[in-house]
C-alpha atoms as a PDB file:
ATOM      1  CA  MET A   1      12.447   0.371  52.758  1.00  0.00           C
ATOM      2  CA  ASP A   2      11.290   3.690  51.279  1.00  0.00           C
ATOM      3  CA  ARG A   3       9.091   2.955  48.266  1.00  0.00           C
ATOM      4  CA  PHE A   4       8.435   6.618  47.433  1.00  0.00           C
ATOM      5  CA  PRO A   5      11.402   7.045  44.994  1.00  0.00           C
ATOM      6  CA  LEU A   6      10.379   3.841  43.212  1.00  0.00           C
ATOM      7  CA  LEU A   7       6.842   5.143  42.921  1.00  0.00           C
ATOM      8  CA  LEU A   8       8.095   8.403  41.428  1.00  0.00           C
ATOM      9  CA  GLN A   9      10.212   6.483  38.918  1.00  0.00           C
ATOM     10  CA  LEU A  10       7.223   4.353  37.931  1.00  0.00           C
ATOM     11  CA  CYS A  11       5.035   7.432  37.482  1.00  0.00           C
ATOM     12  CA  GLY A  12       7.697   9.013  35.281  1.00  0.00           C
ATOM     13  CA  THR A  13       7.890   5.912  33.105  1.00  0.00           C
ATOM     14  CA  ILE A  14       4.120   5.826  32.682  1.00  0.00           C
ATOM     15  CA  GLN A  15       4.068   9.521  31.786  1.00  0.00           C
ATOM     16  CA  ALA A  16       6.768   9.022  29.154  1.00  0.00           C
ATOM     17  CA  MET A  17       4.793   6.159  27.629  1.00  0.00           C
ATOM     18  CA  ILE A  18       1.653   8.290  27.500  1.00  0.00           C
ATOM     19  CA  GLN A  19       3.552  11.099  25.805  1.00  0.00           C
ATOM     20  CA  GLY A  20       4.694   8.645  23.151  1.00  0.00           C
ATOM     21  CA  SER A  21       8.440   8.663  23.725  1.00  0.00           C
ATOM     22  CA  LEU A  22       8.409   4.968  24.611  1.00  0.00           C
ATOM     23  CA  PHE A  23       5.379   4.003  22.539  1.00  0.00           C
ATOM     24  CA  GLU A  24       5.652   1.140  20.119  1.00  0.00           C
ATOM     25  CA  PRO A  25       2.528  -0.527  18.732  1.00  0.00           C
ATOM     26  CA  PRO A  26       2.264  -4.166  19.779  1.00  0.00           C
ATOM     27  CA  ALA A  27       3.737  -6.551  17.247  1.00  0.00           C
ATOM     28  CA  ARG A  28       1.107  -8.284  15.170  1.00  0.00           C
ATOM     29  CA  GLN A  29       0.917 -12.048  15.054  1.00  0.00           C
ATOM     30  CA  THR A  30       1.691 -12.133  11.336  1.00  0.00           C
ATOM     31  CA  THR A  31       4.338 -10.894   8.913  1.00  0.00           C
ATOM     32  CA  VAL A  32       1.658  -9.437   6.629  1.00  0.00           C
ATOM     33  CA  ARG A  33       1.424  -5.647   6.648  1.00  0.00           C
ATOM     34  CA  VAL A  34      -1.988  -4.356   5.605  1.00  0.00           C
ATOM     35  CA  GLY A  35      -2.956  -0.769   4.836  1.00  0.00           C
ATOM     36  CA  PRO A  36      -4.675   1.582   2.395  1.00  0.00           C
ATOM     37  CA  ALA A  37      -3.577   3.136  -0.866  1.00  0.00           C
ATOM     38  CA  GLY A  38      -3.305   6.819  -0.013  1.00  0.00           C
ATOM     39  CA  TRP A  39      -4.394   8.758   3.035  1.00  0.00           C
ATOM     40  CA  HIS A  40      -5.716  12.048   1.633  1.00  0.00           C
ATOM     41  CA  TYR A  41      -9.299  11.821   0.360  1.00  0.00           C
ATOM     42  CA  LYS A  42     -11.920  14.527   0.764  1.00  0.00           C
ATOM     43  CA  ASP A  43     -14.711  11.995   1.361  1.00  0.00           C
ATOM     44  CA  TRP A  44     -12.838  10.573   4.383  1.00  0.00           C
ATOM     45  CA  GLU A  45     -13.720  13.652   6.413  1.00  0.00           C
ATOM     46  CA  GLY A  46     -16.511  12.722   8.803  1.00  0.00           C
ATOM     47  CA  THR A  47     -16.057   9.034   7.933  1.00  0.00           C
ATOM     48  CA  VAL A  48     -12.435   8.418   8.891  1.00  0.00           C
ATOM     49  CA  TYR A  49     -11.147  11.805  10.026  1.00  0.00           C
ATOM     50  CA  PRO A  50     -13.007  14.439  12.076  1.00  0.00           C
ATOM     51  CA  SER A  51     -15.064  16.906  10.044  1.00  0.00           C
ATOM     52  CA  GLY A  52     -13.570  20.368   9.993  1.00  0.00           C
ATOM     53  CA  LYS A  53     -10.213  19.086  11.192  1.00  0.00           C
ATOM     54  CA  GLY A  54      -7.690  21.840  11.667  1.00  0.00           C
ATOM     55  CA  ARG A  55      -4.266  22.157  10.098  1.00  0.00           C
ATOM     56  CA  SER A  56      -2.695  20.561  13.141  1.00  0.00           C
ATOM     57  CA  PHE A  57      -4.401  17.237  12.356  1.00  0.00           C
ATOM     58  CA  ASP A  58      -1.888  14.805  10.841  1.00  0.00           C
ATOM     59  CA  ALA A  59      -3.763  12.312   8.676  1.00  0.00           C
ATOM     60  CA  LEU A  60      -0.672  10.218   7.911  1.00  0.00           C
ATOM     61  CA  ALA A  61       0.274   9.873  11.576  1.00  0.00           C
ATOM     62  CA  PHE A  62      -3.353   8.959  12.289  1.00  0.00           C
ATOM     63  CA  ILE A  63      -3.215   6.120   9.738  1.00  0.00           C
ATOM     64  CA  ALA A  64       0.127   4.924  11.144  1.00  0.00           C
ATOM     65  CA  ASP A  65      -1.535   4.534  14.553  1.00  0.00           C
ATOM     66  CA  TYR A  66      -3.768   1.802  13.106  1.00  0.00           C
ATOM     67  CA  PHE A  67      -1.831   0.275  10.201  1.00  0.00           C
ATOM     68  CA  ASP A  68       1.749  -0.844   9.551  1.00  0.00           C
ATOM     69  CA  THR A  69       1.865   0.292   5.921  1.00  0.00           C
ATOM     70  CA  VAL A  70       0.359   2.717   3.453  1.00  0.00           C
ATOM     71  CA  GLU A  71       0.902   2.999  -0.274  1.00  0.00           C
ATOM     72  CA  ILE A  72       1.893   6.496  -1.390  1.00  0.00           C
ATOM     73  CA  ASN A  73      -0.627   7.366  -4.081  1.00  0.00           C
ATOM     74  CA  SER A  74       0.251  10.990  -4.846  1.00  0.00           C
ATOM     75  CA  SER A  75       3.628   9.891  -6.261  1.00  0.00           C
ATOM     76  CA  PHE A  76       1.727   8.497  -9.260  1.00  0.00           C
ATOM     77  CA  TYR A  77       0.667  11.989 -10.341  1.00  0.00           C
ATOM     78  CA  ARG A  78       4.005  13.695  -9.740  1.00  0.00           C
ATOM     79  CA  PRO A  79       7.199  12.831  -7.871  1.00  0.00           C
ATOM     80  CA  PRO A  80       6.998  14.303  -4.371  1.00  0.00           C
ATOM     81  CA  ARG A  81       9.515  16.871  -3.258  1.00  0.00           C
ATOM     82  CA  PRO A  82      12.329  15.165  -1.323  1.00  0.00           C
ATOM     83  CA  GLU A  83      11.553  17.348   1.708  1.00  0.00           C
ATOM     84  CA  ASP A  84       7.944  16.095   1.672  1.00  0.00           C
ATOM     85  CA  ALA A  85       9.100  12.484   1.491  1.00  0.00           C
ATOM     86  CA  ALA A  86      11.460  13.120   4.408  1.00  0.00           C
ATOM     87  CA  SER A  87       8.549  14.599   6.365  1.00  0.00           C
ATOM     88  CA  TRP A  88       6.427  11.499   5.712  1.00  0.00           C
ATOM     89  CA  ALA A  89       9.229   9.299   7.009  1.00  0.00           C
ATOM     90  CA  ARG A  90       9.437  11.333  10.226  1.00  0.00           C
ATOM     91  CA  ARG A  91       5.679  11.362  10.790  1.00  0.00           C
ATOM     92  CA  VAL A  92       5.351   7.556  10.885  1.00  0.00           C
ATOM     93  CA  ARG A  93       8.438   7.012  13.048  1.00  0.00           C
ATOM     94  CA  LYS A  94       6.361   6.302  16.158  1.00  0.00           C
ATOM     95  CA  ASN A  95       5.265   2.991  14.612  1.00  0.00           C
ATOM     96  CA  ARG A  96       8.523   1.057  14.367  1.00  0.00           C
ATOM     97  CA  ARG A  97       6.929  -1.633  12.179  1.00  0.00           C
ATOM     98  CA  PHE A  98       5.761   0.868   9.585  1.00  0.00           C
ATOM     99  CA  LYS A  99       6.934   0.743   5.966  1.00  0.00           C
ATOM    100  CA  PHE A 100       5.776   2.550   2.849  1.00  0.00           C
ATOM    101  CA  THR A 101       5.108   1.288  -0.607  1.00  0.00           C
ATOM    102  CA  ALA A 102       4.835   3.898  -3.369  1.00  0.00           C
ATOM    103  CA  LYS A 103       3.388   4.095  -6.857  1.00  0.00           C
ATOM    104  CA  ALA A 104       5.857   5.199  -9.512  1.00  0.00           C
ATOM    105  CA  TRP A 105       5.196   8.291 -11.603  1.00  0.00           C
ATOM    106  CA  GLN A 106       2.586   7.776 -14.334  1.00  0.00           C
ATOM    107  CA  ARG A 107       5.036   9.016 -16.980  1.00  0.00           C
ATOM    108  CA  LEU A 108       6.813   5.675 -16.603  1.00  0.00           C
ATOM    109  CA  THR A 109       3.686   3.539 -16.917  1.00  0.00           C
ATOM    110  CA  HIS A 110       0.739   5.391 -18.468  1.00  0.00           C
ATOM    111  CA  GLU A 111       2.192   8.289 -20.486  1.00  0.00           C
ATOM    112  CA  ARG A 112       4.958   6.603 -22.447  1.00  0.00           C
ATOM    113  CA  GLU A 113       4.005   7.843 -25.908  1.00  0.00           C
ATOM    114  CA  GLY A 114       6.760  10.022 -27.320  1.00  0.00           C
ATOM    115  CA  SER A 115       9.199   8.979 -24.614  1.00  0.00           C
ATOM    116  CA  THR A 116      12.872   8.768 -25.589  1.00  0.00           C
ATOM    117  CA  GLU A 117      15.831   7.093 -23.922  1.00  0.00           C
ATOM    118  CA  GLU A 118      16.941  10.500 -22.681  1.00  0.00           C
ATOM    119  CA  SER A 119      13.542  11.537 -21.320  1.00  0.00           C
ATOM    120  CA  LEU A 120      13.029   8.145 -19.667  1.00  0.00           C
ATOM    121  CA  ALA A 121      16.371   8.415 -17.883  1.00  0.00           C
ATOM    122  CA  LYS A 122      15.479  11.942 -16.763  1.00  0.00           C
ATOM    123  CA  ASP A 123      12.069  10.848 -15.455  1.00  0.00           C
ATOM    124  CA  CYS A 124      13.581   7.923 -13.549  1.00  0.00           C
ATOM    125  CA  GLU A 125      16.136  10.259 -12.001  1.00  0.00           C
ATOM    126  CA  ALA A 126      13.271  12.457 -10.757  1.00  0.00           C
ATOM    127  CA  VAL A 127      11.636   9.400  -9.190  1.00  0.00           C
ATOM    128  CA  ARG A 128      14.904   8.339  -7.571  1.00  0.00           C
ATOM    129  CA  ARG A 129      15.428  11.770  -6.011  1.00  0.00           C
ATOM    130  CA  SER A 130      11.871  11.910  -4.723  1.00  0.00           C
ATOM    131  CA  MET A 131      11.950   8.505  -3.043  1.00  0.00           C
ATOM    132  CA  ALA A 132      15.513   8.692  -1.705  1.00  0.00           C
ATOM    133  CA  PRO A 133      14.623  10.032   1.785  1.00  0.00           C
ATOM    134  CA  ILE A 134      12.211   7.160   2.443  1.00  0.00           C
ATOM    135  CA  ALA A 135      14.610   4.565   1.057  1.00  0.00           C
ATOM    136  CA  GLU A 136      17.478   5.992   3.114  1.00  0.00           C
ATOM    137  CA  ALA A 137      15.298   5.773   6.224  1.00  0.00           C
ATOM    138  CA  GLY A 138      14.972   2.031   5.541  1.00  0.00           C
ATOM    139  CA  ILE A 139      11.184   2.117   5.263  1.00  0.00           C
ATOM    140  CA  LEU A 140      10.548   1.813   1.510  1.00  0.00           C
ATOM    141  CA  ALA A 141       9.262  -1.726   1.004  1.00  0.00           C
ATOM    142  CA  ALA A 142       8.568  -1.404  -2.718  1.00  0.00           C
ATOM    143  CA  LEU A 143       8.294   1.069  -5.569  1.00  0.00           C
ATOM    144  CA  LEU A 144       5.322  -0.100  -7.622  1.00  0.00           C
ATOM    145  CA  LEU A 145       5.299   0.108 -11.412  1.00  0.00           C
ATOM    146  CA  GLN A 146       1.546  -0.124 -11.973  1.00  0.00           C
ATOM    147  CA  PHE A 147       0.546  -0.602 -15.609  1.00  0.00           C
ATOM    148  CA  PRO A 148      -2.941  -0.326 -17.115  1.00  0.00           C
ATOM    149  CA  TRP A 149      -4.946  -3.155 -18.676  1.00  0.00           C
ATOM    150  CA  SER A 150      -3.846  -1.889 -22.117  1.00  0.00           C
ATOM    151  CA  PHE A 151      -0.212  -2.806 -21.352  1.00  0.00           C
ATOM    152  CA  ARG A 152      -0.087  -6.197 -23.075  1.00  0.00           C
ATOM    153  CA  CYS A 153       2.396  -9.031 -22.871  1.00  0.00           C
ATOM    154  CA  SER A 154       4.911  -8.547 -25.697  1.00  0.00           C
ATOM    155  CA  GLN A 155       8.631  -8.704 -26.273  1.00  0.00           C
ATOM    156  CA  GLU A 156       8.723  -4.926 -26.712  1.00  0.00           C
ATOM    157  CA  ASN A 157       6.991  -4.298 -23.389  1.00  0.00           C
ATOM    158  CA  GLN A 158       9.182  -6.801 -21.578  1.00  0.00           C
ATOM    159  CA  GLU A 159      12.248  -5.014 -22.916  1.00  0.00           C
ATOM    160  CA  TYR A 160      10.774  -1.751 -21.642  1.00  0.00           C
ATOM    161  CA  LEU A 161      10.404  -3.308 -18.198  1.00  0.00           C
ATOM    162  CA  GLU A 162      14.075  -4.297 -18.311  1.00  0.00           C
ATOM    163  CA  LYS A 163      15.002  -0.655 -18.942  1.00  0.00           C
ATOM    164  CA  LEU A 164      12.995   0.457 -15.927  1.00  0.00           C
ATOM    165  CA  PHE A 165      14.537  -2.239 -13.748  1.00  0.00           C
ATOM    166  CA  ARG A 166      18.001  -1.040 -14.740  1.00  0.00           C
ATOM    167  CA  LEU A 167      17.257   2.657 -14.222  1.00  0.00           C
ATOM    168  CA  LEU A 168      15.595   2.103 -10.835  1.00  0.00           C
ATOM    169  CA  ARG A 169      17.782  -0.758  -9.651  1.00  0.00           C
ATOM    170  CA  GLU A 170      18.649   0.815  -6.270  1.00  0.00           C
ATOM    171  CA  PHE A 171      15.032   0.462  -5.130  1.00  0.00           C
ATOM    172  CA  PRO A 172      13.018  -2.664  -4.292  1.00  0.00           C
ATOM    173  CA  LEU A 173      10.639  -2.850  -7.248  1.00  0.00           C
ATOM    174  CA  ALA A 174       7.227  -4.382  -7.843  1.00  0.00           C
ATOM    175  CA  VAL A 175       5.211  -4.671 -11.053  1.00  0.00           C
ATOM    176  CA  GLU A 176       1.440  -4.686 -11.447  1.00  0.00           C
ATOM    177  CA  VAL A 177      -0.045  -5.766 -14.768  1.00  0.00           C
ATOM    178  CA  ARG A 178      -3.780  -6.193 -15.285  1.00  0.00           C
ATOM    179  CA  HIS A 179      -4.039  -8.038 -18.585  1.00  0.00           C
ATOM    180  CA  GLY A 180      -4.247 -11.823 -18.374  1.00  0.00           C
ATOM    181  CA  GLY A 181      -1.690 -12.297 -21.130  1.00  0.00           C
ATOM    182  CA  TRP A 182       1.055 -11.765 -18.536  1.00  0.00           C
ATOM    183  CA  ASP A 183      -0.126 -14.695 -16.435  1.00  0.00           C
ATOM    184  CA  ARG A 184       2.495 -17.136 -17.655  1.00  0.00           C
ATOM    185  CA  GLU A 185       5.473 -18.839 -16.083  1.00  0.00           C
ATOM    186  CA  PRO A 186       8.169 -17.254 -18.328  1.00  0.00           C
ATOM    187  CA  PHE A 187       7.079 -13.804 -17.114  1.00  0.00           C
ATOM    188  CA  TYR A 188       7.245 -14.836 -13.464  1.00  0.00           C
ATOM    189  CA  GLN A 189      10.688 -16.326 -14.082  1.00  0.00           C
ATOM    190  CA  PHE A 190      11.757 -13.054 -15.731  1.00  0.00           C
ATOM    191  CA  LEU A 191      10.736 -11.162 -12.581  1.00  0.00           C
ATOM    192  CA  LYS A 192      12.553 -13.652 -10.350  1.00  0.00           C
ATOM    193  CA  GLU A 193      15.743 -13.238 -12.353  1.00  0.00           C
ATOM    194  CA  ASN A 194      15.501  -9.469 -11.878  1.00  0.00           C
ATOM    195  CA  ARG A 195      14.463  -9.767  -8.204  1.00  0.00           C
ATOM    196  CA  VAL A 196      11.291  -7.786  -8.838  1.00  0.00           C
ATOM    197  CA  ALA A 197       8.078  -8.493  -6.949  1.00  0.00           C
ATOM    198  CA  PHE A 198       4.932  -9.464  -8.811  1.00  0.00           C
ATOM    199  CA  CYS A 199       1.892  -7.572  -7.573  1.00  0.00           C
ATOM    200  CA  ASN A 200      -1.101  -9.889  -7.343  1.00  0.00           C
ATOM    201  CA  VAL A 201      -4.346  -8.009  -7.955  1.00  0.00           C
ATOM    202  CA  ASP A 202      -7.972  -8.436  -7.066  1.00  0.00           C
ATOM    203  CA  GLN A 203     -10.042  -6.595  -9.652  1.00  0.00           C
ATOM    204  CA  PRO A 204     -13.253  -7.131 -11.629  1.00  0.00           C
ATOM    205  CA  VAL A 205     -12.351 -10.065 -13.879  1.00  0.00           C
ATOM    206  CA  ILE A 206     -13.768  -8.910 -17.198  1.00  0.00           C
ATOM    207  CA  GLY A 207     -12.621 -10.493 -20.439  1.00  0.00           C
ATOM    208  CA  ASN A 208      -8.912 -11.247 -20.372  1.00  0.00           C
ATOM    209  CA  SER A 209      -8.195  -9.526 -17.062  1.00  0.00           C
ATOM    210  CA  ILE A 210      -5.634 -11.142 -14.806  1.00  0.00           C
ATOM    211  CA  ARG A 211      -7.154 -13.080 -11.932  1.00  0.00           C
ATOM    212  CA  PRO A 212      -6.165 -12.846  -8.266  1.00  0.00           C
ATOM    213  CA  GLY A 213      -3.343 -15.202  -7.373  1.00  0.00           C
ATOM    214  CA  SER A 214      -0.523 -15.811  -4.922  1.00  0.00           C
ATOM    215  CA  GLN A 215       2.639 -15.412  -6.996  1.00  0.00           C
ATOM    216  CA  VAL A 216       5.896 -14.526  -5.235  1.00  0.00           C
ATOM    217  CA  THR A 217       8.890 -13.551  -7.376  1.00  0.00           C
ATOM    218  CA  SER A 218      11.134 -11.749  -4.874  1.00  0.00           C
ATOM    219  CA  ARG A 219      11.582 -11.438  -1.125  1.00  0.00           C
ATOM    220  CA  VAL A 220       8.513  -9.173  -1.052  1.00  0.00           C
ATOM    221  CA  GLY A 221       4.991 -10.478  -1.519  1.00  0.00           C
ATOM    222  CA  TYR A 222       2.528  -7.885  -2.812  1.00  0.00           C
ATOM    223  CA  PHE A 223      -1.263  -7.927  -3.168  1.00  0.00           C
ATOM    224  CA  ARG A 224      -3.528  -5.015  -4.162  1.00  0.00           C
ATOM    225  CA  LEU A 225      -7.296  -4.956  -3.810  1.00  0.00           C
ATOM    226  CA  HIS A 226      -9.195  -2.695  -6.205  1.00  0.00           C
ATOM    227  CA  GLY A 227     -12.709  -3.879  -5.383  1.00  0.00           C
ATOM    228  CA  ARG A 228     -15.092  -5.778  -7.639  1.00  0.00           C
ATOM    229  CA  ASN A 229     -17.272  -3.023  -9.035  1.00  0.00           C
ATOM    230  CA  TYR A 230     -18.016  -4.651 -12.378  1.00  0.00           C
ATOM    231  CA  LYS A 231     -20.500  -1.950 -13.389  1.00  0.00           C
ATOM    232  CA  SER A 232     -18.034   0.938 -13.269  1.00  0.00           C
ATOM    233  CA  TRP A 233     -14.605  -0.651 -13.776  1.00  0.00           C
ATOM    234  CA  PHE A 234     -14.349  -0.123 -17.537  1.00  0.00           C
ATOM    235  CA  ASN A 235     -16.961   2.645 -17.718  1.00  0.00           C
ATOM    236  CA  GLU A 236     -15.151   5.678 -19.116  1.00  0.00           C
ATOM    237  CA  GLU A 237     -17.860   7.987 -17.772  1.00  0.00           C
ATOM    238  CA  ALA A 238     -17.469   6.686 -14.224  1.00  0.00           C
ATOM    239  CA  GLY A 239     -15.257   8.806 -12.015  1.00  0.00           C
ATOM    240  CA  ARG A 240     -12.464   7.525  -9.821  1.00  0.00           C
ATOM    241  CA  ASP A 241     -14.719   7.287  -6.787  1.00  0.00           C
ATOM    242  CA  ALA A 242     -17.333   5.197  -8.598  1.00  0.00           C
ATOM    243  CA  ARG A 243     -14.735   2.820  -9.998  1.00  0.00           C
ATOM    244  CA  TYR A 244     -13.383   2.033  -6.537  1.00  0.00           C
ATOM    245  CA  ASP A 245     -16.724   2.099  -4.697  1.00  0.00           C
ATOM    246  CA  TYR A 246     -16.870  -1.412  -3.290  1.00  0.00           C
ATOM    247  CA  LEU A 247     -16.999  -3.042   0.131  1.00  0.00           C
ATOM    248  CA  TYR A 248     -15.745  -6.630   0.306  1.00  0.00           C
ATOM    249  CA  PRO A 249     -18.150  -8.995   2.098  1.00  0.00           C
ATOM    250  CA  LYS A 250     -16.712 -11.450   4.595  1.00  0.00           C
ATOM    251  CA  PRO A 251     -16.556 -14.503   2.244  1.00  0.00           C
ATOM    252  CA  GLU A 252     -14.470 -12.502  -0.251  1.00  0.00           C
ATOM    253  CA  VAL A 253     -12.196 -11.242   2.528  1.00  0.00           C
ATOM    254  CA  GLN A 254     -11.659 -14.830   3.654  1.00  0.00           C
ATOM    255  CA  GLN A 255     -10.849 -15.857   0.080  1.00  0.00           C
ATOM    256  CA  ILE A 256      -8.209 -13.134  -0.192  1.00  0.00           C
ATOM    257  CA  VAL A 257      -6.747 -13.982   3.218  1.00  0.00           C
ATOM    258  CA  GLY A 258      -6.262 -17.534   1.939  1.00  0.00           C
ATOM    259  CA  LEU A 259      -4.163 -16.162  -0.926  1.00  0.00           C
ATOM    260  CA  LEU A 260      -2.230 -13.930   1.476  1.00  0.00           C
ATOM    261  CA  ARG A 261      -1.350 -16.898   3.666  1.00  0.00           C
ATOM    262  CA  THR A 262       0.096 -18.672   0.636  1.00  0.00           C
ATOM    263  CA  ILE A 263       2.098 -15.575  -0.283  1.00  0.00           C
ATOM    264  CA  GLN A 264       3.267 -15.252   3.313  1.00  0.00           C
ATOM    265  CA  GLN A 265       4.747 -18.751   3.221  1.00  0.00           C
ATOM    266  CA  ASN A 266       6.972 -17.834   0.276  1.00  0.00           C
ATOM    267  CA  ALA A 267       7.968 -14.224   1.014  1.00  0.00           C
ATOM    268  CA  GLU A 268      10.045 -12.548   3.693  1.00  0.00           C
ATOM    269  CA  GLU A 269       7.610  -9.619   3.866  1.00  0.00           C
ATOM    270  CA  THR A 270       4.050  -9.434   2.556  1.00  0.00           C
ATOM    271  CA  TYR A 271       2.027  -6.312   1.806  1.00  0.00           C
ATOM    272  CA  ALA A 272      -1.720  -6.125   1.217  1.00  0.00           C
ATOM    273  CA  ILE A 273      -2.846  -2.727  -0.070  1.00  0.00           C
ATOM    274  CA  THR A 274      -6.536  -1.854  -0.223  1.00  0.00           C
ATOM    275  CA  ASN A 275      -7.449   0.570  -3.005  1.00  0.00           C
ATOM    276  CA  ASN A 276     -11.268   0.581  -2.674  1.00  0.00           C
ATOM    277  CA  HIS A 277     -10.908   3.981  -1.069  1.00  0.00           C
ATOM    278  CA  PHE A 278     -14.336   5.586  -1.486  1.00  0.00           C
ATOM    279  CA  ARG A 279     -15.854   6.575   1.886  1.00  0.00           C
ATOM    280  CA  GLY A 280     -13.085   4.815   3.787  1.00  0.00           C
ATOM    281  CA  GLN A 281     -13.968   1.362   2.483  1.00  0.00           C
ATOM    282  CA  SER A 282     -10.280   0.610   1.947  1.00  0.00           C
ATOM    283  CA  LEU A 283      -9.666   1.024   5.685  1.00  0.00           C
ATOM    284  CA  THR A 284     -12.679  -1.148   6.474  1.00  0.00           C
ATOM    285  CA  THR A 285     -11.388  -3.892   4.179  1.00  0.00           C
ATOM    286  CA  ALA A 286      -7.880  -3.603   5.645  1.00  0.00           C
ATOM    287  CA  LEU A 287      -9.270  -4.011   9.171  1.00  0.00           C
ATOM    288  CA  ASP A 288     -11.389  -6.982   8.076  1.00  0.00           C
ATOM    289  CA  ILE A 289      -8.271  -8.621   6.615  1.00  0.00           C
ATOM    290  CA  LEU A 290      -6.280  -7.966   9.788  1.00  0.00           C
ATOM    291  CA  GLU A 291      -8.994  -9.521  11.901  1.00  0.00           C
ATOM    292  CA  GLU A 292      -9.002 -12.671   9.744  1.00  0.00           C
ATOM    293  CA  LEU A 293      -5.199 -12.863   9.798  1.00  0.00           C
ATOM    294  CA  ASP A 294      -4.784 -12.205  13.506  1.00  0.00           C
ATOM    295  CA  ALA A 295      -7.920 -13.981  14.695  1.00  0.00           C
ATOM    296  CA  ARG A 296      -8.538 -11.018  16.998  1.00  0.00           C
ATOM    297  CA  PRO A 297     -10.308  -7.673  16.558  1.00  0.00           C
ATOM    298  CA  PRO A 298      -7.941  -4.867  15.510  1.00  0.00           C
ATOM    299  CA  ASP A 299      -8.167  -1.343  16.859  1.00  0.00           C
ATOM    300  CA  VAL A 300     -10.699   0.680  14.861  1.00  0.00           C
ATOM    301  CA  PRO A 301     -10.924   4.458  14.296  1.00  0.00           C
ATOM    302  CA  PRO A 302     -14.092   5.559  16.139  1.00  0.00           C
ATOM    303  CA  LEU A 303     -15.689   7.428  13.226  1.00  0.00           C
ATOM    304  CA  LEU A 304     -15.091   4.487  10.906  1.00  0.00           C
ATOM    305  CA  ALA A 305     -16.770   2.130  13.380  1.00  0.00           C
ATOM    306  CA  ALA A 306     -19.778   4.458  13.467  1.00  0.00           C
ATOM    307  CA  THR A 307     -20.011   4.380   9.660  1.00  0.00           C
ATOM    308  CA  TYR A 308     -19.453   0.618   9.350  1.00  0.00           C
ATOM    309  CA  PRO A 309     -21.069  -0.919  12.454  1.00  0.00           C
ATOM    310  CA  HIS A 310     -19.690  -4.426  11.850  1.00  0.00           C
ATOM    311  CA  LEU A 311     -16.272  -3.027  12.862  1.00  0.00           C
ATOM    312  CA  ALA A 312     -17.521  -2.099  16.336  1.00  0.00           C
ATOM    313  CA  HIS A 313     -16.695  -5.008  18.632  1.00  0.00           C
END
């Protein structure tokens, strides 16, 4: 029997896999997707990405090679152009497990003073248009309404949330609140009735800040890690980098993984987003979480392993 044609066919299959046409990252042993908040930071050059990378380098595709999710951070500052959102959806397509989460525009959460019913509806329409390409691609896991610590638990604020839920009802929504006054069963029941995910947060617990938990109020479980930099968290003179400059030690990672396992038991999909982004620490924390969840070392970007030697197995 002539084996030469079979050998040629096998070689062709291997070549196609190398070129990526048949590539699909191996399925993880857990339903928890873990990834960073954002992918474009200047201080990641030389730590995560190659220094002096050319325009052909695709940072988002690079992240999607290692993680199954990323939270879109730039959407907080302004709604992305629909064509940019469509491009992001295409660039992660190689990883068939990949899904985005996205922060909603700050006008909805942090710049509400002077807002009217008309302007709110207009702003929500801008958000809907910007996120439509990702939602239509079936890879938008949640649109996050992230409120500051100053957003307190009140009837007025709960009514405002109801308006947002109505105006953005075509998207899977999640809410992050940081003040401990929201940590009460009636609020969680309110979210369940509206099928909105509660975003559990790990943050410096100062005063009446909400503590990390494992609440699930919709089909999506959500957990965000901001670090525990107590010194800079409420320091108005500290910049963004200083506020999120924190590397979780192993005992704290294990504590958070325990909460994630509880969330996982009660949600169809669970997302853990690391926001301690300075010098790539969010990626390091995400990889540490994945290792604890999977009980096996994850793949590690080479430059990151050189910066954080404990990642090099």
